[in-house]
Amino acid sequence: MSELLIGDPINPKTEFGAITSKDQYEKILAYIKLSKEQNGSILIGGKVRKLKQRCDRGWFIEPTVIEGLDWIVSYIRKNFLDLWLLFKHFHQ
């Protein structure tokens, strides 16, 4: 995931674009912060990306993988299903 090209949606090589609204951007950052406060582990991403030129005012956040947040899964599903991919470990 760290190799995804984050950038201008007009560029055909872009694989991950901007968050579509400031409200959504702020909610995502708040959940990343809350995840850290609740002992979630950020495995990959979670940082704001600033781009230059045409996209310098866009809201970009790196794709993020967070581990250890069982308590928040139902809330995330309710509010962010389109933005989150949830993984669950199963033990035999």
C-alpha atoms as a PDB file:
ATOM      1  CA  MET A   1       0.000   0.000   0.000  1.00  0.00           C
ATOM      2  CA  SER A   2       2.884   2.370   0.626  1.00  0.00           C
ATOM      3  CA  GLU A   3       3.673   2.205  -3.078  1.00  0.00           C
ATOM      4  CA  LEU A   4       0.277   3.553  -4.202  1.00  0.00           C
ATOM      5  CA  LEU A   5       0.563   6.764  -6.175  1.00  0.00           C
ATOM      6  CA  ILE A   6      -1.382   9.425  -4.295  1.00  0.00           C
ATOM      7  CA  GLY A   7      -2.204  12.396  -6.434  1.00  0.00           C
ATOM      8  CA  ASP A   8      -4.061  14.337  -9.054  1.00  0.00           C
ATOM      9  CA  PRO A   9      -7.217  12.512 -10.177  1.00  0.00           C
ATOM     10  CA  ILE A  10      -6.616  13.696 -13.754  1.00  0.00           C
ATOM     11  CA  ASN A  11      -3.297  11.855 -13.896  1.00  0.00           C
ATOM     12  CA  PRO A  12      -4.007   8.351 -15.264  1.00  0.00           C
ATOM     13  CA  LYS A  13      -1.194   6.944 -13.089  1.00  0.00           C
ATOM     14  CA  THR A  14      -2.860   8.125  -9.851  1.00  0.00           C
ATOM     15  CA  GLU A  15      -4.133   5.205  -7.769  1.00  0.00           C
ATOM     16  CA  PHE A  16      -5.417   7.057  -4.688  1.00  0.00           C
ATOM     17  CA  GLY A  17      -7.023  10.497  -4.828  1.00  0.00           C
ATOM     18  CA  ALA A  18      -8.158  13.177  -2.434  1.00  0.00           C
ATOM     19  CA  ILE A  19     -10.840  12.974   0.229  1.00  0.00           C
ATOM     20  CA  THR A  20     -13.911  14.603  -1.308  1.00  0.00           C
ATOM     21  CA  SER A  21     -14.870  17.042   1.456  1.00  0.00           C
ATOM     22  CA  LYS A  22     -13.283  18.890   4.348  1.00  0.00           C
ATOM     23  CA  ASP A  23     -15.811  17.367   6.781  1.00  0.00           C
ATOM     24  CA  GLN A  24     -14.906  13.834   5.725  1.00  0.00           C
ATOM     25  CA  TYR A  25     -11.183  14.675   5.860  1.00  0.00           C
ATOM     26  CA  GLU A  26     -11.531  15.958   9.425  1.00  0.00           C
ATOM     27  CA  LYS A  27     -13.560  12.890  10.483  1.00  0.00           C
ATOM     28  CA  ILE A  28     -10.940  10.537   9.109  1.00  0.00           C
ATOM     29  CA  LEU A  29      -8.134  12.390  10.899  1.00  0.00           C
ATOM     30  CA  ALA A  30     -10.187  12.356  14.116  1.00  0.00           C
ATOM     31  CA  TYR A  31     -10.607   8.573  13.870  1.00  0.00           C
ATOM     32  CA  ILE A  32      -6.923   8.074  13.220  1.00  0.00           C
ATOM     33  CA  LYS A  33      -6.172  10.181  16.306  1.00  0.00           C
ATOM     34  CA  LEU A  34      -8.794   8.319  18.372  1.00  0.00           C
ATOM     35  CA  SER A  35      -7.360   5.006  17.219  1.00  0.00           C
ATOM     36  CA  LYS A  36      -3.935   6.009  18.505  1.00  0.00           C
ATOM     37  CA  GLU A  37      -5.400   7.203  21.816  1.00  0.00           C
ATOM     38  CA  GLN A  38      -7.178   3.855  22.219  1.00  0.00           C
ATOM     39  CA  ASN A  39      -3.941   1.903  21.725  1.00  0.00           C
ATOM     40  CA  GLY A  40      -4.530   1.079  18.093  1.00  0.00           C
ATOM     41  CA  SER A  41      -1.367   0.464  16.133  1.00  0.00           C
ATOM     42  CA  ILE A  42      -0.890   2.319  12.864  1.00  0.00           C
ATOM     43  CA  LEU A  43       0.818  -0.277  10.699  1.00  0.00           C
ATOM     44  CA  ILE A  44       0.925   1.766   7.493  1.00  0.00           C
ATOM     45  CA  GLY A  45       0.002   5.331   6.535  1.00  0.00           C
ATOM     46  CA  GLY A  46      -2.210   7.603   8.588  1.00  0.00           C
ATOM     47  CA  LYS A  47      -0.403  10.779   7.610  1.00  0.00           C
ATOM     48  CA  VAL A  48      -1.570  13.853   5.755  1.00  0.00           C
ATOM     49  CA  ARG A  49      -0.014  14.293   2.322  1.00  0.00           C
ATOM     50  CA  LYS A  50       0.534  17.748   0.870  1.00  0.00           C
ATOM     51  CA  LEU A  51       0.759  17.880  -2.900  1.00  0.00           C
ATOM     52  CA  LYS A  52       2.057  20.666  -5.106  1.00  0.00           C
ATOM     53  CA  GLN A  53       0.733  22.506  -8.121  1.00  0.00           C
ATOM     54  CA  ARG A  54      -2.871  21.839  -9.138  1.00  0.00           C
ATOM     55  CA  CYS A  55      -3.746  19.765  -6.044  1.00  0.00           C
ATOM     56  CA  ASP A  56      -2.089  21.948  -3.398  1.00  0.00           C
ATOM     57  CA  ARG A  57      -5.438  22.627  -1.674  1.00  0.00           C
ATOM     58  CA  GLY A  58      -6.672  19.028  -1.784  1.00  0.00           C
ATOM     59  CA  TRP A  59      -7.347  16.864   1.269  1.00  0.00           C
ATOM     60  CA  PHE A  60      -5.023  13.872   1.002  1.00  0.00           C
ATOM     61  CA  ILE A  61      -4.450  11.195   3.656  1.00  0.00           C
ATOM     62  CA  GLU A  62      -2.256   8.178   3.110  1.00  0.00           C
ATOM     63  CA  PRO A  63      -4.100   4.845   2.949  1.00  0.00           C
ATOM     64  CA  THR A  64      -4.045   3.610   6.533  1.00  0.00           C
ATOM     65  CA  VAL A  65      -3.944   0.223   8.234  1.00  0.00           C
ATOM     66  CA  ILE A  66      -4.770   0.230  11.959  1.00  0.00           C
ATOM     67  CA  GLU A  67      -4.554  -2.851  14.179  1.00  0.00           C
ATOM     68  CA  GLY A  68      -6.188  -3.605  17.524  1.00  0.00           C
ATOM     69  CA  LEU A  69      -9.524  -1.770  17.487  1.00  0.00           C
ATOM     70  CA  ASP A  70     -12.238  -4.377  18.037  1.00  0.00           C
ATOM     71  CA  TRP A  71     -14.384  -1.956  20.052  1.00  0.00           C
ATOM     72  CA  ILE A  72     -14.744   0.552  17.226  1.00  0.00           C
ATOM     73  CA  VAL A  73     -15.592  -1.791  14.342  1.00  0.00           C
ATOM     74  CA  SER A  74     -19.384  -1.386  14.525  1.00  0.00           C
ATOM     75  CA  TYR A  75     -19.150   2.410  14.670  1.00  0.00           C
ATOM     76  CA  ILE A  76     -16.789   2.530  11.720  1.00  0.00           C
ATOM     77  CA  ARG A  77     -19.095   0.272   9.705  1.00  0.00           C
ATOM     78  CA  LYS A  78     -22.051   2.526  10.492  1.00  0.00           C
ATOM     79  CA  ASN A  79     -20.310   5.767   9.547  1.00  0.00           C
ATOM     80  CA  PHE A  80     -17.450   4.975   7.168  1.00  0.00           C
ATOM     81  CA  LEU A  81     -18.185   1.746   5.346  1.00  0.00           C
ATOM     82  CA  ASP A  82     -17.137   3.269   2.041  1.00  0.00           C
ATOM     83  CA  LEU A  83     -13.750   4.363   3.402  1.00  0.00           C
ATOM     84  CA  TRP A  84     -12.643   1.468   5.592  1.00  0.00           C
ATOM     85  CA  LEU A  85     -11.630  -2.090   4.933  1.00  0.00           C
ATOM     86  CA  LEU A  86     -11.833  -4.150   8.105  1.00  0.00           C
ATOM     87  CA  PHE A  87      -9.696  -7.196   8.836  1.00  0.00           C
ATOM     88  CA  LYS A  88     -10.372  -9.635  11.642  1.00  0.00           C
ATOM     89  CA  HIS A  89      -7.878 -12.187  12.966  1.00  0.00           C
ATOM     90  CA  PHE A  90      -9.226 -15.667  13.622  1.00  0.00           C
ATOM     91  CA  HIS A  91      -7.445 -18.047  15.946  1.00  0.00           C
ATOM     92  CA  GLN A  92      -7.841 -21.811  15.685  1.00  0.00           C
END
